[in-house]
Amino acid sequence: MYSSTSWFACKIDDGQYNGNDTHPYRWLLTQADNGHWGWMKDTDISDETNSVPNCSLYRYGW
């Protein structure tokens, strides 16, 4: 991610340990500046991510 503003499609809280005390297993799905989709660990994001929807909502169609 090269841009200073980012957006996230959804989050998971059961991913690999990311070293964060607040959300130790949180990863967020986003589209990078190069157009590729991927996961970003919560520790790399400066803002609170609680408002990002859970990926399970999309997976199960809720």
PDB file of N, CA and C in Angstrom:
ATOM      1  N   MET A   1       0.854  -1.177   0.000  1.00  0.00           N
ATOM      2  CA  MET A   1       0.000   0.000   0.000  1.00  0.00           C
ATOM      3  C   MET A   1       0.898   1.239   0.000  1.00  0.00           C
ATOM      4  N   TYR A   2       0.760   2.015  -1.029  1.00  0.00           N
ATOM      5  CA  TYR A   2       1.561   3.226  -1.144  1.00  0.00           C
ATOM      6  C   TYR A   2       0.758   4.472  -0.809  1.00  0.00           C
ATOM      7  N   SER A   3      -0.546   4.406  -0.925  1.00  0.00           N
ATOM      8  CA  SER A   3      -1.381   5.585  -0.686  1.00  0.00           C
ATOM      9  C   SER A   3      -1.549   5.829   0.807  1.00  0.00           C
ATOM     10  N   SER A   4      -1.876   7.056   1.157  1.00  0.00           N
ATOM     11  CA  SER A   4      -2.075   7.397   2.569  1.00  0.00           C
ATOM     12  C   SER A   4      -3.496   7.099   3.025  1.00  0.00           C
ATOM     13  N   THR A   5      -4.428   6.966   2.092  1.00  0.00           N
ATOM     14  CA  THR A   5      -5.798   6.589   2.453  1.00  0.00           C
ATOM     15  C   THR A   5      -6.085   5.199   1.896  1.00  0.00           C
ATOM     16  N   SER A   6      -6.764   4.408   2.687  1.00  0.00           N
ATOM     17  CA  SER A   6      -7.064   3.038   2.293  1.00  0.00           C
ATOM     18  C   SER A   6      -8.494   2.701   2.657  1.00  0.00           C
ATOM     19  N   TRP A   7      -9.023   1.670   2.064  1.00  0.00           N
ATOM     20  CA  TRP A   7     -10.340   1.160   2.431  1.00  0.00           C
ATOM     21  C   TRP A   7     -10.229  -0.355   2.517  1.00  0.00           C
ATOM     22  N   PHE A   8     -11.128  -0.932   3.283  1.00  0.00           N
ATOM     23  CA  PHE A   8     -11.078  -2.364   3.541  1.00  0.00           C
ATOM     24  C   PHE A   8     -12.449  -2.977   3.301  1.00  0.00           C
ATOM     25  N   ALA A   9     -12.476  -4.080   2.573  1.00  0.00           N
ATOM     26  CA  ALA A   9     -13.735  -4.738   2.234  1.00  0.00           C
ATOM     27  C   ALA A   9     -14.332  -5.435   3.445  1.00  0.00           C
ATOM     28  N   CYS A  10     -13.484  -6.124   4.210  1.00  0.00           N
ATOM     29  CA  CYS A  10     -13.969  -6.855   5.377  1.00  0.00           C
ATOM     30  C   CYS A  10     -12.786  -7.284   6.235  1.00  0.00           C
ATOM     31  N   LYS A  11     -13.082  -7.858   7.401  1.00  0.00           N
ATOM     32  CA  LYS A  11     -12.035  -8.287   8.328  1.00  0.00           C
ATOM     33  C   LYS A  11     -12.317  -9.698   8.832  1.00  0.00           C
ATOM     34  N   ILE A  12     -11.236 -10.364   9.262  1.00  0.00           N
ATOM     35  CA  ILE A  12     -11.361 -11.638   9.967  1.00  0.00           C
ATOM     36  C   ILE A  12     -10.634 -11.495  11.299  1.00  0.00           C
ATOM     37  N   ASP A  13     -11.105 -12.186  12.304  1.00  0.00           N
ATOM     38  CA  ASP A  13     -10.474 -12.154  13.624  1.00  0.00           C
ATOM     39  C   ASP A  13      -9.944 -13.526  14.027  1.00  0.00           C
ATOM     40  N   ASP A  14      -9.791 -14.412  13.067  1.00  0.00           N
ATOM     41  CA  ASP A  14      -9.277 -15.742  13.379  1.00  0.00           C
ATOM     42  C   ASP A  14      -8.118 -16.122  12.459  1.00  0.00           C
ATOM     43  N   GLY A  15      -7.360 -15.113  12.043  1.00  0.00           N
ATOM     44  CA  GLY A  15      -6.214 -15.357  11.179  1.00  0.00           C
ATOM     45  C   GLY A  15      -4.963 -15.672  11.982  1.00  0.00           C
ATOM     46  N   GLN A  16      -3.827 -15.630  11.315  1.00  0.00           N
ATOM     47  CA  GLN A  16      -2.540 -15.877  11.952  1.00  0.00           C
ATOM     48  C   GLN A  16      -2.238 -14.761  12.951  1.00  0.00           C
ATOM     49  N   TYR A  17      -1.533 -15.080  14.030  1.00  0.00           N
ATOM     50  CA  TYR A  17      -1.151 -14.078  15.027  1.00  0.00           C
ATOM     51  C   TYR A  17      -0.366 -12.963  14.346  1.00  0.00           C
ATOM     52  N   ASN A  18      -0.748 -11.704  14.638  1.00  0.00           N
ATOM     53  CA  ASN A  18      -0.126 -10.565  13.957  1.00  0.00           C
ATOM     54  C   ASN A  18       0.708  -9.669  14.870  1.00  0.00           C
ATOM     55  N   GLY A  19       0.830 -10.013  16.164  1.00  0.00           N
ATOM     56  CA  GLY A  19       1.655  -9.239  17.078  1.00  0.00           C
ATOM     57  C   GLY A  19       0.952  -8.075  17.735  1.00  0.00           C
ATOM     58  N   ASN A  20      -0.328  -7.906  17.492  1.00  0.00           N
ATOM     59  CA  ASN A  20      -1.099  -6.791  18.045  1.00  0.00           C
ATOM     60  C   ASN A  20      -1.775  -7.238  19.337  1.00  0.00           C
ATOM     61  N   ASP A  21      -1.641  -6.441  20.397  1.00  0.00           N
ATOM     62  CA  ASP A  21      -2.286  -6.784  21.666  1.00  0.00           C
ATOM     63  C   ASP A  21      -3.797  -6.583  21.616  1.00  0.00           C
ATOM     64  N   THR A  22      -4.265  -5.590  20.878  1.00  0.00           N
ATOM     65  CA  THR A  22      -5.693  -5.276  20.834  1.00  0.00           C
ATOM     66  C   THR A  22      -6.477  -6.260  19.971  1.00  0.00           C
ATOM     67  N   HIS A  23      -5.992  -6.515  18.767  1.00  0.00           N
ATOM     68  CA  HIS A  23      -6.646  -7.446  17.827  1.00  0.00           C
ATOM     69  C   HIS A  23      -5.584  -8.433  17.332  1.00  0.00           C
ATOM     70  N   PRO A  24      -5.203  -9.403  18.153  1.00  0.00           N
ATOM     71  CA  PRO A  24      -4.042 -10.245  17.833  1.00  0.00           C
ATOM     72  C   PRO A  24      -4.186 -11.159  16.621  1.00  0.00           C
ATOM     73  N   TYR A  25      -5.404 -11.402  16.155  1.00  0.00           N
ATOM     74  CA  TYR A  25      -5.613 -12.303  15.013  1.00  0.00           C
ATOM     75  C   TYR A  25      -6.406 -11.638  13.886  1.00  0.00           C
ATOM     76  N   ARG A  26      -6.452 -10.303  13.878  1.00  0.00           N
ATOM     77  CA  ARG A  26      -7.253  -9.572  12.886  1.00  0.00           C
ATOM     78  C   ARG A  26      -6.449  -9.257  11.633  1.00  0.00           C
ATOM     79  N   TRP A  27      -7.071  -9.583  10.492  1.00  0.00           N
ATOM     80  CA  TRP A  27      -6.542  -9.260   9.176  1.00  0.00           C
ATOM     81  C   TRP A  27      -7.663  -8.631   8.360  1.00  0.00           C
ATOM     82  N   LEU A  28      -7.315  -7.715   7.456  1.00  0.00           N
ATOM     83  CA  LEU A  28      -8.314  -6.991   6.671  1.00  0.00           C
ATOM     84  C   LEU A  28      -8.066  -7.184   5.179  1.00  0.00           C
ATOM     85  N   LEU A  29      -9.134  -7.429   4.457  1.00  0.00           N
ATOM     86  CA  LEU A  29      -9.061  -7.637   3.009  1.00  0.00           C
ATOM     87  C   LEU A  29      -9.160  -6.285   2.313  1.00  0.00           C
ATOM     88  N   THR A  30      -8.219  -6.022   1.413  1.00  0.00           N
ATOM     89  CA  THR A  30      -8.192  -4.744   0.711  1.00  0.00           C
ATOM     90  C   THR A  30      -7.647  -4.929  -0.701  1.00  0.00           C
ATOM     91  N   GLN A  31      -7.853  -3.925  -1.509  1.00  0.00           N
ATOM     92  CA  GLN A  31      -7.283  -3.920  -2.857  1.00  0.00           C
ATOM     93  C   GLN A  31      -6.091  -2.974  -2.843  1.00  0.00           C
ATOM     94  N   ALA A  32      -4.937  -3.486  -3.199  1.00  0.00           N
ATOM     95  CA  ALA A  32      -3.702  -2.704  -3.165  1.00  0.00           C
ATOM     96  C   ALA A  32      -3.661  -1.681  -4.298  1.00  0.00           C
ATOM     97  N   ASP A  33      -2.683  -0.807  -4.226  1.00  0.00           N
ATOM     98  CA  ASP A  33      -2.510   0.229  -5.245  1.00  0.00           C
ATOM     99  C   ASP A  33      -2.275  -0.359  -6.637  1.00  0.00           C
ATOM    100  N   ASN A  34      -1.736  -1.578  -6.688  1.00  0.00           N
ATOM    101  CA  ASN A  34      -1.479  -2.216  -7.984  1.00  0.00           C
ATOM    102  C   ASN A  34      -2.683  -2.994  -8.509  1.00  0.00           C
ATOM    103  N   GLY A  35      -3.819  -2.939  -7.781  1.00  0.00           N
ATOM    104  CA  GLY A  35      -5.039  -3.596  -8.220  1.00  0.00           C
ATOM    105  C   GLY A  35      -5.239  -5.004  -7.700  1.00  0.00           C
ATOM    106  N   HIS A  36      -4.231  -5.569  -7.060  1.00  0.00           N
ATOM    107  CA  HIS A  36      -4.335  -6.925  -6.526  1.00  0.00           C
ATOM    108  C   HIS A  36      -5.020  -6.915  -5.166  1.00  0.00           C
ATOM    109  N   TRP A  37      -5.804  -7.966  -4.888  1.00  0.00           N
ATOM    110  CA  TRP A  37      -6.473  -8.125  -3.606  1.00  0.00           C
ATOM    111  C   TRP A  37      -5.569  -8.900  -2.666  1.00  0.00           C
ATOM    112  N   GLY A  38      -5.634  -8.543  -1.387  1.00  0.00           N
ATOM    113  CA  GLY A  38      -4.829  -9.258  -0.409  1.00  0.00           C
ATOM    114  C   GLY A  38      -5.193  -8.870   1.010  1.00  0.00           C
ATOM    115  N   TRP A  39      -4.512  -9.500   1.959  1.00  0.00           N
ATOM    116  CA  TRP A  39      -4.769  -9.295   3.377  1.00  0.00           C
ATOM    117  C   TRP A  39      -3.711  -8.395   3.985  1.00  0.00           C
ATOM    118  N   MET A  40      -4.144  -7.504   4.847  1.00  0.00           N
ATOM    119  CA  MET A  40      -3.261  -6.585   5.558  1.00  0.00           C
ATOM    120  C   MET A  40      -3.466  -6.803   7.048  1.00  0.00           C
ATOM    121  N   LYS A  41      -2.378  -6.933   7.795  1.00  0.00           N
ATOM    122  CA  LYS A  41      -2.546  -7.179   9.223  1.00  0.00           C
ATOM    123  C   LYS A  41      -2.941  -5.901   9.947  1.00  0.00           C
ATOM    124  N   ASP A  42      -3.684  -6.074  11.002  1.00  0.00           N
ATOM    125  CA  ASP A  42      -4.223  -4.948  11.764  1.00  0.00           C
ATOM    126  C   ASP A  42      -3.125  -4.032  12.298  1.00  0.00           C
ATOM    127  N   THR A  43      -1.953  -4.573  12.589  1.00  0.00           N
ATOM    128  CA  THR A  43      -0.863  -3.757  13.135  1.00  0.00           C
ATOM    129  C   THR A  43      -0.341  -2.734  12.131  1.00  0.00           C
ATOM    130  N   ASP A  44      -0.623  -2.915  10.844  1.00  0.00           N
ATOM    131  CA  ASP A  44      -0.169  -1.975   9.815  1.00  0.00           C
ATOM    132  C   ASP A  44      -1.164  -0.847   9.551  1.00  0.00           C
ATOM    133  N   ILE A  45      -2.244  -0.814  10.312  1.00  0.00           N
ATOM    134  CA  ILE A  45      -3.300   0.182  10.105  1.00  0.00           C
ATOM    135  C   ILE A  45      -3.367   1.084  11.327  1.00  0.00           C
ATOM    136  N   SER A  46      -3.335   2.396  11.114  1.00  0.00           N
ATOM    137  CA  SER A  46      -3.285   3.329  12.246  1.00  0.00           C
ATOM    138  C   SER A  46      -4.655   3.605  12.860  1.00  0.00           C
ATOM    139  N   ASP A  47      -5.728   3.465  12.102  1.00  0.00           N
ATOM    140  CA  ASP A  47      -7.077   3.734  12.624  1.00  0.00           C
ATOM    141  C   ASP A  47      -7.689   2.478  13.236  1.00  0.00           C
ATOM    142  N   GLU A  48      -8.714   2.681  14.053  1.00  0.00           N
ATOM    143  CA  GLU A  48      -9.462   1.562  14.629  1.00  0.00           C
ATOM    144  C   GLU A  48     -10.220   0.848  13.515  1.00  0.00           C
ATOM    145  N   THR A  49     -10.260  -0.468  13.557  1.00  0.00           N
ATOM    146  CA  THR A  49     -10.866  -1.252  12.478  1.00  0.00           C
ATOM    147  C   THR A  49     -12.143  -1.977  12.899  1.00  0.00           C
ATOM    148  N   ASN A  50     -12.674  -1.673  14.066  1.00  0.00           N
ATOM    149  CA  ASN A  50     -13.888  -2.347  14.535  1.00  0.00           C
ATOM    150  C   ASN A  50     -15.080  -2.131  13.606  1.00  0.00           C
ATOM    151  N   SER A  51     -15.143  -0.996  12.934  1.00  0.00           N
ATOM    152  CA  SER A  51     -16.304  -0.690  12.086  1.00  0.00           C
ATOM    153  C   SER A  51     -16.283  -1.427  10.742  1.00  0.00           C
ATOM    154  N   VAL A  52     -15.178  -2.054  10.395  1.00  0.00           N
ATOM    155  CA  VAL A  52     -15.091  -2.811   9.143  1.00  0.00           C
ATOM    156  C   VAL A  52     -15.942  -4.077   9.284  1.00  0.00           C
ATOM    157  N   PRO A  53     -16.794  -4.393   8.302  1.00  0.00           N
ATOM    158  CA  PRO A  53     -17.659  -5.580   8.417  1.00  0.00           C
ATOM    159  C   PRO A  53     -16.848  -6.878   8.451  1.00  0.00           C
ATOM    160  N   ASN A  54     -17.402  -7.875   9.086  1.00  0.00           N
ATOM    161  CA  ASN A  54     -16.776  -9.195   9.130  1.00  0.00           C
ATOM    162  C   ASN A  54     -16.913  -9.880   7.774  1.00  0.00           C
ATOM    163  N   CYS A  55     -15.863 -10.562   7.353  1.00  0.00           N
ATOM    164  CA  CYS A  55     -15.902 -11.280   6.074  1.00  0.00           C
ATOM    165  C   CYS A  55     -16.944 -12.385   6.085  1.00  0.00           C
ATOM    166  N   SER A  56     -17.263 -12.934   7.236  1.00  0.00           N
ATOM    167  CA  SER A  56     -18.263 -14.003   7.304  1.00  0.00           C
ATOM    168  C   SER A  56     -19.629 -13.517   6.830  1.00  0.00           C
ATOM    169  N   LEU A  57     -19.895 -12.225   6.934  1.00  0.00           N
ATOM    170  CA  LEU A  57     -21.161 -11.684   6.439  1.00  0.00           C
ATOM    171  C   LEU A  57     -21.267 -11.867   4.932  1.00  0.00           C
ATOM    172  N   TYR A  58     -20.156 -11.751   4.233  1.00  0.00           N
ATOM    173  CA  TYR A  58     -20.145 -11.933   2.787  1.00  0.00           C
ATOM    174  C   TYR A  58     -20.105 -13.410   2.420  1.00  0.00           C
ATOM    175  N   ARG A  59     -19.372 -14.172   3.182  1.00  0.00           N
ATOM    176  CA  ARG A  59     -19.200 -15.593   2.904  1.00  0.00           C
ATOM    177  C   ARG A  59     -20.523 -16.342   3.005  1.00  0.00           C
ATOM    178  N   TYR A  60     -21.336 -15.962   3.983  1.00  0.00           N
ATOM    179  CA  TYR A  60     -22.588 -16.663   4.212  1.00  0.00           C
ATOM    180  C   TYR A  60     -23.801 -15.899   3.699  1.00  0.00           C
ATOM    181  N   GLY A  61     -23.582 -14.725   3.104  1.00  0.00           N
ATOM    182  CA  GLY A  61     -24.664 -13.968   2.489  1.00  0.00           C
ATOM    183  C   GLY A  61     -25.611 -13.282   3.451  1.00  0.00           C
ATOM    184  N   TRP A  62     -25.134 -12.955   4.664  1.00  0.00           N
ATOM    185  CA  TRP A  62     -25.999 -12.279   5.639  1.00  0.00           C
ATOM    186  C   TRP A  62     -25.989 -10.797   5.443  1.00  0.00           C
TER     187      TRP A  62
END
